[in-house]
Amino acid sequence: MRRQILLDTGPLVAVLNRRDIYHGWASEQWARIEPPLLTCEAVLSEACFLLQSAAGGPEAVMELIQRGIIDPTFHLADHRKPVARLIAKYASVPMLLADACLVRMSELHSESAVLTLDRDFRLYRKHGRHVVPVAMPEDR
């Protein structure tokens, strides 16, 4: 069974922005991953915001969706209670909506890993006590 990749904002921004310090790492990861990468609309919103000053940034995000490389399959309305519980549980971190959605997605996709730059994923737990598998640079 192939490991499903759940895409966080950082690697998406890094792969599309050659000036990002993690561009090389993100590009290497993307070269090894079989699409589609699953994500949520909160990640896409964050990425478009962060890429708004990069030429063609938000358009590049939309192009990845149109080409089927990114699949925003997660529907918050269907998971609002578990996502709200995660945000409340990790309020001291604090947990952003995108992070909560990705943790919830990791619960739904048992053989998944989150592609991220966010160290907070080392703190988060799926199903209350299980480590969320991640792929992140070694210096994170």
Protein backbone atom coordinates (compact mmCIF):
# COMPACT_ATOMS: atom_id res chain seq x y z
CA MET A 1 0.00 0.00 0.00
CA ARG A 2 1.37 3.41 -0.95
CA ARG A 3 1.69 6.06 1.72
CA GLN A 4 -0.71 8.95 1.14
CA ILE A 5 0.86 12.39 1.54
CA LEU A 6 -1.04 15.16 3.30
CA LEU A 7 0.24 18.54 2.20
CA ASP A 8 0.83 21.42 4.61
CA THR A 9 1.35 25.07 3.67
CA GLY A 10 5.12 25.32 4.13
CA PRO A 11 6.21 22.77 1.52
CA LEU A 12 3.62 24.07 -0.96
CA VAL A 13 4.94 27.62 -0.62
CA ALA A 14 8.55 26.42 -0.72
CA VAL A 15 8.17 24.40 -3.91
CA LEU A 16 6.54 27.35 -5.68
CA ASN A 17 8.91 30.04 -4.38
CA ARG A 18 12.52 29.57 -5.53
CA ARG A 19 13.64 32.12 -2.91
CA ASP A 20 12.30 30.04 -0.03
CA ILE A 21 15.09 28.51 2.07
CA TYR A 22 13.34 25.13 1.85
CA HIS A 23 12.79 25.25 -1.93
CA GLY A 24 15.46 22.61 -2.61
CA TRP A 25 14.17 20.25 0.06
CA ALA A 26 10.55 20.70 -1.03
CA SER A 27 11.43 20.12 -4.68
CA GLU A 28 13.25 16.87 -3.78
CA GLN A 29 10.22 15.67 -1.81
CA TRP A 30 7.80 16.49 -4.62
CA ALA A 31 9.96 14.59 -7.10
CA ARG A 32 9.52 11.41 -5.01
CA ILE A 33 5.80 11.72 -4.34
CA GLU A 34 3.12 10.17 -6.49
CA PRO A 35 0.19 12.57 -6.88
CA PRO A 36 -2.30 13.45 -5.73
CA LEU A 37 -1.26 15.11 -2.50
CA LEU A 38 -4.28 15.52 -0.26
CA THR A 39 -4.89 18.79 1.54
CA CYS A 40 -7.58 21.11 2.83
CA GLU A 41 -8.86 24.50 1.80
CA ALA A 42 -7.26 26.15 4.86
CA VAL A 43 -3.81 25.12 3.58
CA LEU A 44 -4.62 26.46 0.13
CA SER A 45 -5.83 29.75 1.57
CA GLU A 46 -2.65 30.16 3.63
CA ALA A 47 -0.47 29.32 0.62
CA CYS A 48 -2.24 31.75 -1.69
CA PHE A 49 -1.90 34.48 0.92
CA LEU A 50 1.81 33.80 1.44
CA LEU A 51 2.45 33.63 -2.31
CA GLN A 52 0.50 36.76 -3.23
CA SER A 53 3.67 38.81 -3.69
CA ALA A 54 5.37 36.11 -5.78
CA ALA A 55 4.72 36.42 -9.49
CA GLY A 56 2.01 33.93 -10.40
CA GLY A 57 1.95 32.44 -6.90
CA PRO A 58 -1.78 31.98 -6.26
CA GLU A 59 -2.28 31.01 -9.91
CA ALA A 60 0.37 28.30 -9.54
CA VAL A 61 -1.53 26.87 -6.56
CA MET A 62 -4.73 26.76 -8.62
CA GLU A 63 -2.87 25.15 -11.52
CA LEU A 64 -1.67 22.32 -9.24
CA ILE A 65 -5.28 21.68 -8.24
CA GLN A 66 -6.52 21.80 -11.85
CA ARG A 67 -3.82 19.33 -12.91
CA GLY A 68 -4.82 16.92 -10.12
CA ILE A 69 -1.46 17.15 -8.34
CA ILE A 70 -3.14 18.59 -5.25
CA ASP A 71 -6.52 17.24 -4.20
CA PRO A 72 -8.38 19.31 -1.59
CA THR A 73 -10.70 16.45 -0.63
CA PHE A 74 -11.21 17.43 2.99
CA HIS A 75 -14.54 19.12 3.76
CA LEU A 76 -14.48 20.95 7.07
CA ALA A 77 -18.27 20.92 7.37
CA ASP A 78 -18.15 17.11 7.58
CA HIS A 79 -15.54 17.17 10.38
CA ARG A 80 -16.27 20.38 12.30
CA LYS A 81 -16.66 18.73 15.72
CA PRO A 82 -13.40 16.71 15.72
CA VAL A 83 -11.52 19.70 14.25
CA ALA A 84 -12.96 22.01 16.93
CA ARG A 85 -11.89 19.50 19.61
CA LEU A 86 -8.34 19.45 18.26
CA ILE A 87 -8.14 23.26 18.20
CA ALA A 88 -9.39 23.38 21.81
CA LYS A 89 -7.02 20.61 22.93
CA TYR A 90 -3.96 22.35 21.46
CA ALA A 91 -5.00 25.93 22.25
CA SER A 92 -1.75 26.49 24.14
CA VAL A 93 0.35 25.74 21.04
CA PRO A 94 -1.85 27.30 19.38
CA MET A 95 -3.15 25.00 16.67
CA LEU A 96 -4.20 26.70 13.43
CA LEU A 97 -7.23 25.57 11.47
CA ALA A 98 -5.04 24.12 8.71
CA ASP A 99 -3.07 22.06 11.25
CA ALA A 100 -6.26 20.75 12.86
CA CYS A 101 -7.62 19.75 9.47
CA LEU A 102 -4.40 17.92 8.61
CA VAL A 103 -4.37 16.05 11.93
CA ARG A 104 -7.99 15.06 11.30
CA MET A 105 -7.05 13.96 7.79
CA SER A 106 -4.25 11.83 9.27
CA GLU A 107 -6.90 10.10 11.39
CA LEU A 108 -8.98 9.38 8.29
CA HIS A 109 -6.01 8.21 6.19
CA SER A 110 -4.23 5.76 8.48
CA GLU A 111 -1.29 5.16 6.12
CA SER A 112 -0.53 8.84 5.59
CA ALA A 113 2.26 11.26 6.45
CA VAL A 114 2.08 15.04 6.66
CA LEU A 115 4.56 16.86 4.42
CA THR A 116 5.34 19.89 6.56
CA LEU A 117 7.87 22.40 7.83
CA ASP A 118 5.93 22.89 11.07
CA ARG A 119 7.55 21.44 14.21
CA ASP A 120 4.23 21.57 16.01
CA PHE A 121 3.30 18.35 14.22
CA ARG A 122 5.76 16.61 16.54
CA LEU A 123 3.44 17.60 19.42
CA TYR A 124 0.11 16.77 17.83
CA ARG A 125 -1.47 13.35 18.24
CA LYS A 126 -4.05 11.60 16.14
CA HIS A 127 -6.80 9.66 17.86
CA GLY A 128 -5.66 11.28 21.10
CA ARG A 129 -2.36 9.48 21.59
CA HIS A 130 -0.78 8.34 18.32
CA VAL A 131 2.10 10.18 16.69
CA VAL A 132 1.24 11.89 13.41
CA PRO A 133 3.78 10.62 10.85
CA VAL A 134 5.57 13.52 9.18
CA ALA A 135 8.07 14.22 6.45
CA MET A 136 10.07 17.34 7.27
CA PRO A 137 13.63 18.61 6.92
CA GLU A 138 16.09 17.26 9.45
CA ASP A 139 16.83 20.75 10.81
CA ARG A 140 13.20 21.25 11.83
